[in-house]
Amino acid sequence: MRNSLFQLPDELVLTSLAQAFPCRSFQLRSLATLLHPDAAPCQNVVLYGTEATGKSAITVALLARLEASEDDGSPDGDLRLRFAIVNSVECITSRHLFESVVGKVAKALRWHGPSSSRCENVSQLTVELSKMLKYAPRPDGFRFVLVFDGIDRQREATPTLLPALARLAEIIPCITSVFIVTSPPASFLHTAFAPHVHFPNYTKTEFVAIVAAGGPPLEAPALPNTTPEEGADLWARFAAAVHDALARAATRTLPAFRHACDALWPRFTTPVVAGTRGAREFSKLLIAARAHFQDECLLDPGIIVAARPPSAAPAPSTPIPSGSNSITPQTSSKPHTSDLAALLPTTARLLLLAAYLASHNATRHDLVLFSTHHHGRRRRRGGLSVSVGRGAGPGRSKHRKIARKLLGAHAFVLERMLAIFAAVRGEWDGRYASREWGGLVDGMDADIGMAMATLASLRLLVRVGGLASASGGDAMDRGGKWRVNVGWEMIRALGRSMGVEVEEWLIE
């Protein structure tokens, strides 16, 4: 018997685990308190959090260390802590889950007694576990921890499965059931109380601290003329830049973030390896490698880049006689602004053009540009970059204005953009002018909703408005505010690919 009624695990165990899993010290200590036989063991524990937050890895590592700390040289049957991990994703049916539980518990206890090969329901599971845990002789204070990993994704699970598993401890007092889920509903175990341990997603500071502690990839080339301190500082600043560029799109989890850093690091340090830049010139290195931070093909080789159209292929350079004063023509490195037109469907392109007009035209000009009440067609009045006052004369100076397309995009209401889309789509695309498509937008159809989702996911349209954008409210709220995130050159090329001169639809 232990001298104290409440005793935490060895501090060396918790310290070593905290070093192996940084930024998870609170969760480690909470879980150790709820599972250790001498601390505050309970019947059920719920661990919840998003993907790749360390729930399963920390649980397995902690139980293994606690089991090893209880091993004082006594026979295996006298150990006071045993555990078994059951991955619910690997179980096809509930019966498969029950039989996996029985098999792994018997393996953990080294059970050689009689057991049934079939276990079809919770009643038979309780009988089999009682044989091994309740009626077999065990040392004082013995605890068996049964972990159900990903139990919320169990196939063919009945509504009573989780409440039944949570009541195993009422029949077998020495068992502790741990449920690892993503987002538990309120009172989903149907018990009076079950402690919950939250594993939140890592913040930027924690992301950078974890990756910086691991250091650059081992297969990366060494940086010449660089001290270890300079290399570590460059790696930490580089990790912060990768998080700022890719965290919301491609590296939302810790493994994906580490993979992104490992993939971009050799390309980022190419000038340092070549000797053209130093490790302290972080800003210049970042500018030189900015194209890699915008290309997700390096992170996912499965992304297929649209091929260059045959007509856009550069002409081969022709040899010039040595005596001529002409210069050999070089291959053009002009960016492919038409790739967006080839990748986006027609509805998404029309919505993007309507969003650009809504962002760069004043609201008071909508009636002039898009109304068909008196004329039966739109009155395009673009290209007015200079406005002259009524009283302007030879002796007065003209007031010049900057073109709106050269200024930043303004926020617009979604309902206004949809009204512009309804007004111009019949003229810009012949399909919408036919009778089968109709002439007006009566409601938010599926094609428009999918096009909006595509533009928002590609960050071509950005939702603004403080709490609405931060909380991720209804994206199709007609009162929500948006802003176009595409420049003039791209919009002009996109419009010309559809036979539309966007400049004719802008009023300065």
Protein backbone atom coordinates (compact mmCIF):
# COMPACT_ATOMS: atom_id res chain seq x y z
CA MET A 1 0.00 0.00 0.00
CA ARG A 2 1.12 3.52 -0.71
CA ASN A 3 1.57 5.96 2.14
CA SER A 4 -0.32 8.84 0.53
CA LEU A 5 -3.90 8.82 -0.68
CA PHE A 6 -3.07 11.25 -3.48
CA GLN A 7 0.25 11.07 -5.26
CA LEU A 8 1.13 12.45 -8.69
CA PRO A 9 3.41 10.56 -11.08
CA ASP A 10 7.13 11.02 -10.95
CA GLU A 11 8.12 14.52 -12.02
CA LEU A 12 10.89 13.16 -14.22
CA VAL A 13 8.29 11.27 -16.26
CA LEU A 14 6.20 14.39 -16.84
CA THR A 15 9.24 16.55 -17.60
CA SER A 16 10.58 14.17 -20.22
CA LEU A 17 7.16 13.91 -21.86
CA ALA A 18 6.76 17.70 -21.84
CA GLN A 19 10.07 17.99 -23.71
CA ALA A 20 8.98 15.37 -26.23
CA PHE A 21 5.60 17.09 -26.74
CA PRO A 22 6.19 20.84 -26.37
CA CYS A 23 3.27 23.20 -25.71
CA ARG A 24 1.22 20.36 -24.22
CA SER A 25 2.29 20.46 -20.59
CA PHE A 26 -1.18 21.31 -19.26
CA GLN A 27 -2.83 18.45 -21.13
CA LEU A 28 -0.11 16.03 -20.01
CA ARG A 29 -0.50 16.83 -16.34
CA SER A 30 -4.30 16.80 -16.50
CA LEU A 31 -4.34 13.42 -18.20
CA ALA A 32 -1.74 11.97 -15.83
CA THR A 33 -3.81 13.06 -12.85
CA LEU A 34 -6.93 11.40 -14.24
CA LEU A 35 -5.22 8.10 -15.15
CA HIS A 36 -2.57 7.44 -12.50
CA PRO A 37 -3.73 4.88 -9.87
CA ASP A 38 -2.49 7.02 -6.94
CA ALA A 39 -3.79 10.38 -8.22
CA ALA A 40 -7.46 10.87 -9.12
CA PRO A 41 -8.48 7.98 -11.40
CA CYS A 42 -11.97 8.26 -12.81
CA GLN A 43 -14.35 6.07 -14.74
CA ASN A 44 -14.44 7.95 -18.07
CA VAL A 45 -12.22 10.58 -19.68
CA VAL A 46 -12.98 12.44 -22.91
CA LEU A 47 -10.13 13.85 -25.00
CA TYR A 48 -11.26 16.12 -27.81
CA GLY A 49 -9.68 18.43 -30.35
CA THR A 50 -9.11 18.88 -34.06
CA GLU A 51 -6.90 16.70 -36.21
CA ALA A 52 -3.15 16.44 -35.49
CA THR A 53 -3.21 18.09 -32.06
CA GLY A 54 -1.42 15.25 -30.25
CA LYS A 55 -4.35 13.49 -28.57
CA SER A 56 -3.46 9.91 -29.54
CA ALA A 57 0.32 10.29 -29.46
CA ILE A 58 0.35 11.90 -26.02
CA THR A 59 -2.07 9.33 -24.60
CA VAL A 60 -0.01 6.36 -25.82
CA ALA A 61 3.30 7.87 -24.68
CA LEU A 62 1.94 8.82 -21.24
CA LEU A 63 0.39 5.40 -20.57
CA ALA A 64 3.57 3.63 -21.66
CA ARG A 65 5.68 5.73 -19.29
CA LEU A 66 3.25 5.35 -16.41
CA GLU A 67 3.17 1.59 -16.92
CA ALA A 68 6.97 1.48 -16.99
CA SER A 69 7.21 3.61 -13.85
CA GLU A 70 5.03 1.09 -11.97
CA ASP A 71 7.37 -1.77 -12.90
CA ASP A 72 9.49 -2.31 -9.78
CA GLY A 73 10.80 -5.76 -10.67
CA SER A 74 7.69 -7.64 -9.51
CA PRO A 75 6.01 -10.28 -11.69
CA ASP A 76 3.89 -9.10 -14.59
CA GLY A 77 0.66 -9.98 -12.88
CA ASP A 78 1.41 -7.55 -10.02
CA LEU A 79 1.67 -4.39 -12.11
CA ARG A 80 -0.82 -1.79 -10.94
CA LEU A 81 -1.41 -0.18 -14.34
CA ARG A 82 -2.18 -1.75 -17.69
CA PHE A 83 -3.65 -0.27 -20.85
CA ALA A 84 -4.93 -1.17 -24.30
CA ILE A 85 -5.42 1.05 -27.36
CA VAL A 86 -8.29 0.29 -29.76
CA ASN A 87 -8.34 2.23 -33.02
CA SER A 88 -12.00 2.45 -33.95
CA VAL A 89 -11.24 3.47 -37.52
CA GLU A 90 -9.77 0.01 -38.15
CA CYS A 91 -12.97 -1.72 -36.99
CA ILE A 92 -15.52 -2.35 -39.73
CA THR A 93 -18.52 -3.15 -37.52
CA SER A 94 -19.47 -2.94 -33.85
CA ARG A 95 -18.83 -6.66 -33.49
CA HIS A 96 -15.35 -6.15 -34.90
CA LEU A 97 -14.83 -3.42 -32.29
CA PHE A 98 -15.94 -5.67 -29.40
CA GLU A 99 -13.75 -8.57 -30.49
CA SER A 100 -10.78 -6.21 -30.94
CA VAL A 101 -11.30 -4.93 -27.39
CA VAL A 102 -11.34 -8.45 -25.97
CA GLY A 103 -8.26 -9.48 -27.92
CA LYS A 104 -6.18 -6.42 -26.99
CA VAL A 105 -7.17 -6.56 -23.32
CA ALA A 106 -6.17 -10.24 -23.19
CA LYS A 107 -2.86 -9.42 -24.85
CA ALA A 108 -2.14 -6.56 -22.44
CA LEU A 109 -2.90 -8.75 -19.41
CA ARG A 110 -1.20 -11.85 -20.88
CA TRP A 111 -4.44 -13.70 -20.23
CA HIS A 112 -4.30 -17.45 -20.74
CA GLY A 113 -7.70 -18.34 -19.33
CA PRO A 114 -10.83 -19.34 -21.25
CA SER A 115 -12.38 -16.74 -23.52
CA SER A 116 -15.04 -16.74 -26.20
CA SER A 117 -14.07 -16.21 -29.84
CA ARG A 118 -17.34 -14.42 -30.57
CA CYS A 119 -18.47 -11.14 -29.03
CA GLU A 120 -21.50 -9.67 -30.76
CA ASN A 121 -22.87 -7.12 -28.28
CA VAL A 122 -22.02 -5.06 -25.22
CA SER A 123 -23.39 -7.72 -22.85
CA GLN A 124 -20.95 -10.35 -24.10
CA LEU A 125 -18.17 -7.73 -24.00
CA THR A 126 -18.95 -7.05 -20.33
CA VAL A 127 -18.86 -10.76 -19.52
CA GLU A 128 -15.49 -11.27 -21.20
CA LEU A 129 -13.92 -8.19 -19.58
CA SER A 130 -15.26 -9.23 -16.17
CA LYS A 131 -13.50 -12.57 -16.46
CA MET A 132 -10.15 -10.88 -17.03
CA LEU A 133 -10.45 -7.76 -14.85
CA LYS A 134 -13.08 -8.24 -12.14
CA TYR A 135 -12.86 -11.87 -11.05
CA ALA A 136 -9.17 -12.50 -11.63
CA PRO A 137 -6.84 -11.67 -8.69
CA ARG A 138 -5.24 -8.24 -9.06
CA PRO A 139 -3.03 -6.08 -6.78
CA ASP A 140 -4.52 -3.34 -4.64
CA GLY A 141 -5.19 -0.14 -6.55
CA PHE A 142 -5.05 -1.86 -9.93
CA ARG A 143 -6.27 0.22 -12.89
CA PHE A 144 -6.79 -0.81 -16.49
CA VAL A 145 -7.07 2.02 -19.03
CA LEU A 146 -9.05 1.18 -22.16
CA VAL A 147 -8.58 3.80 -24.90
CA PHE A 148 -11.07 4.12 -27.76
CA ASP A 149 -9.23 6.18 -30.39
CA GLY A 150 -11.52 7.89 -32.93
CA ILE A 151 -14.65 6.34 -31.47
CA ASP A 152 -16.80 9.07 -33.05
CA ARG A 153 -15.88 7.67 -36.49
CA GLN A 154 -16.89 4.10 -35.69
CA ARG A 155 -18.77 2.44 -38.53
CA GLU A 156 -22.27 1.05 -37.98
CA ALA A 157 -22.35 2.48 -34.46
CA THR A 158 -25.72 2.46 -32.74
CA PRO A 159 -26.88 5.48 -30.69
CA THR A 160 -26.44 3.44 -27.49
CA LEU A 161 -22.86 2.30 -28.18
CA LEU A 162 -21.02 5.13 -26.45
CA PRO A 163 -23.33 5.30 -23.39
CA ALA A 164 -22.98 1.53 -22.99
CA LEU A 165 -19.17 1.67 -23.15
CA ALA A 166 -19.20 4.54 -20.66
CA ARG A 167 -21.07 2.35 -18.13
CA LEU A 168 -18.48 -0.44 -18.16
CA ALA A 169 -16.90 1.08 -15.06
CA GLU A 170 -20.16 0.63 -13.13
CA ILE A 171 -19.77 -3.16 -13.45
CA ILE A 172 -15.94 -3.35 -13.56
CA PRO A 173 -14.69 -0.77 -11.02
CA CYS A 174 -11.01 -1.06 -11.96
CA ILE A 175 -11.47 0.05 -15.58
CA THR A 176 -11.06 3.58 -16.97
CA SER A 177 -12.43 4.28 -20.44
CA VAL A 178 -10.78 7.02 -22.49
CA PHE A 179 -12.72 8.34 -25.49
CA ILE A 180 -10.71 10.27 -28.10
CA VAL A 181 -13.06 12.27 -30.32
CA THR A 182 -12.95 15.39 -32.48
CA SER A 183 -15.96 17.38 -31.28
CA PRO A 184 -18.10 15.72 -28.60
CA PRO A 185 -21.77 16.69 -28.41
CA ALA A 186 -23.18 17.77 -25.08
CA SER A 187 -23.73 14.79 -22.72
CA PHE A 188 -23.06 12.29 -25.48
CA LEU A 189 -22.08 9.64 -22.90
CA HIS A 190 -25.40 10.06 -21.00
CA THR A 191 -23.54 10.04 -17.68
CA ALA A 192 -23.64 12.45 -14.78
CA PHE A 193 -20.12 13.77 -15.31
CA ALA A 194 -17.07 12.84 -17.34
CA PRO A 195 -13.93 15.02 -17.27
CA HIS A 196 -13.01 16.51 -20.64
CA VAL A 197 -9.46 17.45 -21.67
CA HIS A 198 -9.27 19.83 -24.63
CA PHE A 199 -6.40 19.68 -27.10
CA PRO A 200 -6.67 23.00 -28.97
CA ASN A 201 -4.95 23.66 -32.25
CA TYR A 202 -1.49 25.18 -32.02
CA THR A 203 -1.08 28.93 -32.27
CA LYS A 204 1.51 30.59 -34.49
CA THR A 205 3.95 30.95 -31.62
CA GLU A 206 3.59 27.27 -30.75
CA PHE A 207 3.89 26.19 -34.40
CA VAL A 208 7.13 28.13 -34.79
CA ALA A 209 8.52 26.99 -31.42
CA ILE A 210 7.90 23.30 -32.18
CA VAL A 211 9.36 23.42 -35.68
CA ALA A 212 12.29 25.59 -34.61
CA ALA A 213 13.17 23.09 -31.89
CA GLY A 214 13.38 20.31 -34.47
CA GLY A 215 15.80 22.20 -36.69
CA PRO A 216 16.18 22.09 -40.49
CA PRO A 217 15.84 18.78 -42.36
CA LEU A 218 18.89 16.54 -42.12
CA GLU A 219 19.09 15.99 -45.89
CA ALA A 220 19.25 19.74 -46.58
CA PRO A 221 22.68 21.09 -47.65
CA ALA A 222 24.76 22.82 -45.00
CA LEU A 223 24.94 26.61 -45.07
CA PRO A 224 28.51 27.81 -45.70
CA ASN A 225 29.97 30.68 -43.67
CA THR A 226 27.11 30.41 -41.18
CA THR A 227 27.37 29.85 -37.44
CA PRO A 228 24.91 27.49 -35.69
CA GLU A 229 23.27 30.47 -33.99
CA GLU A 230 22.72 32.25 -37.30
CA GLY A 231 21.36 29.06 -38.86
CA ALA A 232 18.92 28.52 -35.98
CA ASP A 233 17.75 32.13 -36.13
CA LEU A 234 17.26 31.93 -39.90
CA TRP A 235 15.29 28.67 -39.54
CA ALA A 236 12.99 30.19 -36.90
CA ARG A 237 12.29 33.32 -38.98
CA PHE A 238 11.75 31.15 -42.05
CA ALA A 239 9.20 29.01 -40.17
CA ALA A 240 7.29 32.14 -39.14
CA ALA A 241 7.22 33.31 -42.77
CA VAL A 242 5.92 29.92 -43.94
CA HIS A 243 3.17 30.07 -41.34
CA ASP A 244 2.11 33.55 -42.44
CA ALA A 245 2.03 32.52 -46.10
CA LEU A 246 0.50 29.03 -45.98
CA ALA A 247 -1.10 28.42 -42.57
CA ARG A 248 -4.68 29.25 -43.62
CA ALA A 249 -4.53 27.44 -46.95
CA ALA A 250 -2.23 24.41 -46.88
CA THR A 251 -0.56 23.97 -43.46
CA ARG A 252 -3.32 23.99 -40.87
CA THR A 253 -1.87 21.02 -38.97
CA LEU A 254 1.54 20.47 -37.44
CA PRO A 255 2.61 17.62 -39.79
CA ALA A 256 1.58 19.67 -42.83
CA PHE A 257 3.43 22.71 -41.49
CA ARG A 258 6.58 20.68 -40.89
CA HIS A 259 6.32 19.18 -44.38
CA ALA A 260 5.98 22.66 -45.89
CA CYS A 261 9.06 23.91 -44.05
CA ASP A 262 11.11 20.87 -45.13
CA ALA A 263 10.02 21.28 -48.75
CA LEU A 264 10.68 25.03 -49.00
CA TRP A 265 13.89 25.24 -46.95
CA PRO A 266 16.34 24.02 -49.69
CA ARG A 267 14.87 26.49 -52.19
CA PHE A 268 14.86 29.30 -49.65
CA THR A 269 18.54 28.82 -48.78
CA THR A 270 19.77 28.38 -52.37
CA PRO A 271 21.35 31.90 -52.45
CA VAL A 272 23.10 31.19 -49.14
CA VAL A 273 24.50 27.89 -50.41
CA ALA A 274 25.61 29.59 -53.63
CA GLY A 275 27.34 32.33 -51.65
CA THR A 276 25.40 35.24 -53.18
CA ARG A 277 23.56 36.05 -49.94
CA GLY A 278 24.27 35.77 -46.26
CA ALA A 279 22.23 34.10 -43.54
CA ARG A 280 21.46 37.48 -41.97
CA GLU A 281 19.87 38.90 -45.14
CA PHE A 282 16.47 37.44 -44.40
CA SER A 283 14.46 40.11 -46.23
CA LYS A 284 16.40 39.64 -49.47
CA LEU A 285 16.16 35.88 -49.20
CA LEU A 286 12.41 36.16 -48.68
CA ILE A 287 11.98 38.38 -51.73
CA ALA A 288 14.05 36.00 -53.87
CA ALA A 289 11.95 33.01 -52.79
CA ARG A 290 8.51 34.65 -52.76
CA ALA A 291 7.41 32.64 -55.80
CA HIS A 292 7.87 29.41 -53.82
CA PHE A 293 5.67 30.71 -51.00
CA GLN A 294 2.85 31.26 -53.49
CA ASP A 295 3.07 27.87 -55.22
CA GLU A 296 1.40 24.94 -53.44
CA CYS A 297 2.61 22.46 -56.07
CA LEU A 298 5.79 21.99 -54.02
CA LEU A 299 3.70 20.88 -51.03
CA ASP A 300 1.35 18.58 -52.92
CA PRO A 301 2.81 16.97 -56.06
CA GLY A 302 -0.70 15.86 -57.00
CA ILE A 303 -1.63 19.41 -58.01
CA ILE A 304 -1.59 19.62 -61.80
CA VAL A 305 -0.62 22.96 -63.33
CA ALA A 306 -2.52 23.99 -66.44
CA ALA A 307 -0.35 23.68 -69.52
CA ARG A 308 0.48 26.71 -71.62
CA PRO A 309 -1.80 27.03 -74.67
CA PRO A 310 -0.07 26.16 -77.96
CA SER A 311 -0.57 29.68 -79.28
CA ALA A 312 1.17 31.16 -76.26
CA ALA A 313 4.32 29.10 -76.63
CA PRO A 314 7.38 31.30 -77.15
CA ALA A 315 8.87 31.35 -80.61
CA PRO A 316 12.29 29.73 -80.86
CA SER A 317 15.21 32.07 -81.11
CA THR A 318 16.70 32.38 -84.61
CA PRO A 319 20.46 32.64 -85.09
CA ILE A 320 21.78 36.04 -86.17
CA PRO A 321 24.92 36.43 -88.30
CA SER A 322 27.93 37.58 -86.36
CA GLY A 323 28.41 40.66 -88.49
CA SER A 324 24.93 41.98 -87.92
CA ASN A 325 24.12 44.66 -85.37
CA SER A 326 20.84 42.96 -84.43
CA ILE A 327 20.35 41.39 -81.05
CA THR A 328 19.36 37.77 -80.66
CA PRO A 329 15.69 37.65 -79.56
CA GLN A 330 15.21 36.19 -76.12
CA THR A 331 12.38 33.99 -74.92
CA SER A 332 9.68 35.98 -73.24
CA SER A 333 9.18 35.55 -69.51
CA LYS A 334 5.77 37.22 -69.48
CA PRO A 335 3.50 35.77 -66.77
CA HIS A 336 0.53 33.70 -67.84
CA THR A 337 -2.41 35.92 -66.98
CA SER A 338 -4.72 33.77 -69.12
CA ASP A 339 -4.30 30.70 -66.93
CA LEU A 340 -7.09 31.94 -64.66
CA ALA A 341 -9.48 32.01 -67.62
CA ALA A 342 -8.62 28.40 -68.46
CA LEU A 343 -9.06 27.16 -64.88
CA LEU A 344 -12.26 28.92 -63.82
CA PRO A 345 -15.71 27.92 -65.14
CA THR A 346 -17.88 30.45 -66.94
CA THR A 347 -20.08 31.36 -63.98
CA ALA A 348 -17.07 31.92 -61.72
CA ARG A 349 -15.45 34.18 -64.32
CA LEU A 350 -18.62 36.24 -64.70
CA LEU A 351 -18.95 36.60 -60.93
CA LEU A 352 -15.31 37.67 -60.62
CA LEU A 353 -15.78 40.36 -63.29
CA ALA A 354 -18.98 41.53 -61.57
CA ALA A 355 -17.11 41.65 -58.26
CA TYR A 356 -14.37 43.78 -59.80
CA LEU A 357 -16.95 46.23 -61.16
CA ALA A 358 -18.65 46.36 -57.76
CA SER A 359 -15.30 47.06 -56.08
CA HIS A 360 -14.11 49.77 -58.47
CA ASN A 361 -17.33 51.53 -59.47
CA ALA A 362 -19.19 53.87 -57.16
CA THR A 363 -22.68 52.78 -56.17
CA ARG A 364 -24.24 55.93 -57.63
CA HIS A 365 -23.13 54.88 -61.13
CA ASP A 366 -24.87 51.50 -61.11
CA LEU A 367 -28.09 52.92 -62.54
CA VAL A 368 -26.20 54.61 -65.39
CA LEU A 369 -24.17 51.52 -66.29
CA PHE A 370 -26.55 48.64 -65.81
CA SER A 371 -30.10 49.99 -66.11
CA THR A 372 -32.12 48.94 -69.23
CA HIS A 373 -35.37 50.73 -68.38
CA HIS A 374 -35.20 53.47 -71.07
CA HIS A 375 -32.70 52.14 -73.60
CA GLY A 376 -33.05 48.35 -73.61
CA ARG A 377 -29.27 47.98 -73.32
CA ARG A 378 -26.50 48.93 -70.96
CA ARG A 379 -24.90 52.36 -71.30
CA ARG A 380 -21.19 51.79 -71.11
CA ARG A 381 -19.33 54.92 -70.11
CA GLY A 382 -15.81 53.83 -69.39
CA GLY A 383 -12.43 55.39 -69.88
CA LEU A 384 -13.15 58.75 -68.21
CA SER A 385 -9.97 59.27 -66.28
CA VAL A 386 -10.21 63.11 -66.13
CA SER A 387 -13.21 64.97 -64.80
CA VAL A 388 -13.68 68.68 -65.57
CA GLY A 389 -15.85 70.94 -63.44
CA ARG A 390 -18.73 72.95 -64.86
CA GLY A 391 -16.99 76.28 -64.50
CA ALA A 392 -13.66 75.17 -65.88
CA GLY A 393 -12.20 77.76 -68.21
CA PRO A 394 -8.92 78.69 -69.80
CA GLY A 395 -7.72 80.42 -66.67
CA ARG A 396 -8.59 77.62 -64.27
CA SER A 397 -6.57 74.48 -63.57
CA LYS A 398 -8.19 71.13 -64.19
CA HIS A 399 -8.72 68.79 -61.25
CA ARG A 400 -7.11 65.46 -62.15
CA LYS A 401 -8.12 62.22 -60.48
CA ILE A 402 -6.29 58.91 -60.13
CA ALA A 403 -7.91 56.08 -62.08
CA ARG A 404 -10.02 53.90 -59.77
CA LYS A 405 -8.52 50.74 -61.22
CA LEU A 406 -5.12 51.87 -59.93
CA LEU A 407 -6.45 52.33 -56.41
CA GLY A 408 -7.24 49.61 -53.91
CA ALA A 409 -10.41 47.59 -54.17
CA HIS A 410 -13.35 48.77 -52.08
CA ALA A 411 -15.73 46.52 -50.15
CA PHE A 412 -19.13 45.82 -51.66
CA VAL A 413 -22.33 44.11 -50.55
CA LEU A 414 -22.96 40.66 -52.00
CA GLU A 415 -26.47 41.61 -53.12
CA ARG A 416 -25.03 44.45 -55.25
CA MET A 417 -22.57 42.12 -56.95
CA LEU A 418 -25.35 39.64 -57.75
CA ALA A 419 -27.46 42.47 -59.20
CA ILE A 420 -24.56 43.48 -61.47
CA PHE A 421 -24.10 39.84 -62.44
CA ALA A 422 -27.79 39.56 -63.35
CA ALA A 423 -27.59 42.74 -65.43
CA VAL A 424 -24.51 41.89 -67.51
CA ARG A 425 -24.50 38.10 -67.83
CA GLY A 426 -26.94 38.08 -70.74
CA GLU A 427 -24.72 40.45 -72.71
CA TRP A 428 -21.40 38.82 -71.77
CA ASP A 429 -22.46 35.19 -72.23
CA GLY A 430 -24.96 34.14 -74.89
CA ARG A 431 -26.20 31.17 -72.88
CA TYR A 432 -27.80 33.42 -70.30
CA ALA A 433 -29.62 35.41 -73.00
CA SER A 434 -31.57 32.38 -74.21
CA ARG A 435 -35.03 31.61 -72.91
CA GLU A 436 -34.01 28.44 -71.11
CA TRP A 437 -31.69 30.36 -68.81
CA GLY A 438 -33.99 33.32 -68.25
CA GLY A 439 -32.97 36.92 -67.93
CA LEU A 440 -32.92 37.54 -64.17
CA VAL A 441 -31.59 35.91 -61.03
CA ASP A 442 -34.66 34.77 -59.16
CA GLY A 443 -32.67 33.13 -56.36
CA MET A 444 -29.32 31.73 -55.34
CA ASP A 445 -29.03 28.66 -57.57
CA ALA A 446 -26.49 25.91 -57.04
CA ASP A 447 -24.25 27.03 -59.92
CA ILE A 448 -23.79 30.51 -58.45
CA GLY A 449 -23.30 29.16 -54.94
CA MET A 450 -20.59 26.76 -56.09
CA ALA A 451 -18.88 29.51 -58.09
CA MET A 452 -18.85 31.75 -55.01
CA ALA A 453 -17.39 28.92 -52.92
CA THR A 454 -14.69 28.37 -55.56
CA LEU A 455 -13.70 32.03 -55.67
CA ALA A 456 -13.65 32.28 -51.88
CA SER A 457 -11.53 29.13 -51.46
CA LEU A 458 -9.01 30.45 -54.01
CA ARG A 459 -8.91 33.79 -52.16
CA LEU A 460 -9.99 35.62 -55.32
CA LEU A 461 -12.88 37.00 -53.29
CA VAL A 462 -12.23 37.87 -49.66
CA ARG A 463 -14.96 38.40 -47.13
CA VAL A 464 -14.56 41.45 -44.91
CA GLY A 465 -16.52 42.85 -42.05
CA GLY A 466 -14.83 42.04 -38.72
CA LEU A 467 -16.81 39.47 -36.74
CA ALA A 468 -18.56 38.03 -39.78
CA SER A 469 -15.31 37.07 -41.48
CA ALA A 470 -13.62 35.91 -38.29
CA SER A 471 -16.45 33.68 -37.14
CA GLY A 472 -17.06 32.23 -40.59
CA GLY A 473 -20.77 33.10 -40.75
CA ASP A 474 -23.08 32.35 -43.65
CA ALA A 475 -20.99 32.92 -46.78
CA MET A 476 -24.10 33.48 -48.90
CA ASP A 477 -25.59 36.19 -46.69
CA ARG A 478 -26.67 38.84 -49.17
CA GLY A 479 -25.85 41.55 -46.66
CA GLY A 480 -22.26 40.37 -46.19
CA LYS A 481 -19.39 42.50 -47.47
CA TRP A 482 -16.72 41.22 -49.83
CA ARG A 483 -13.65 42.56 -51.61
CA VAL A 484 -12.10 41.41 -54.87
CA ASN A 485 -8.51 40.19 -54.51
CA VAL A 486 -7.42 40.32 -58.17
CA GLY A 487 -5.43 43.05 -59.92
CA TRP A 488 -6.28 45.03 -63.03
CA GLU A 489 -4.00 43.13 -65.42
CA MET A 490 -5.52 39.81 -64.46
CA ILE A 491 -9.08 41.12 -64.76
CA ARG A 492 -8.41 42.69 -68.15
CA ALA A 493 -6.98 39.42 -69.48
CA LEU A 494 -9.90 37.49 -67.98
CA GLY A 495 -12.41 39.83 -69.60
CA ARG A 496 -10.74 39.70 -73.00
CA SER A 497 -10.81 35.90 -72.89
CA MET A 498 -14.62 36.25 -72.89
CA GLY A 499 -14.73 39.12 -75.40
CA VAL A 500 -15.39 41.78 -72.75
CA GLU A 501 -13.46 45.04 -72.44
CA VAL A 502 -13.73 45.67 -68.72
CA GLU A 503 -12.44 49.24 -69.11
CA GLU A 504 -15.63 50.16 -70.90
CA TRP A 505 -17.59 49.29 -67.77
CA LEU A 506 -15.57 51.46 -65.38
CA ILE A 507 -16.48 55.06 -64.52
CA GLU A 508 -13.72 57.13 -62.97
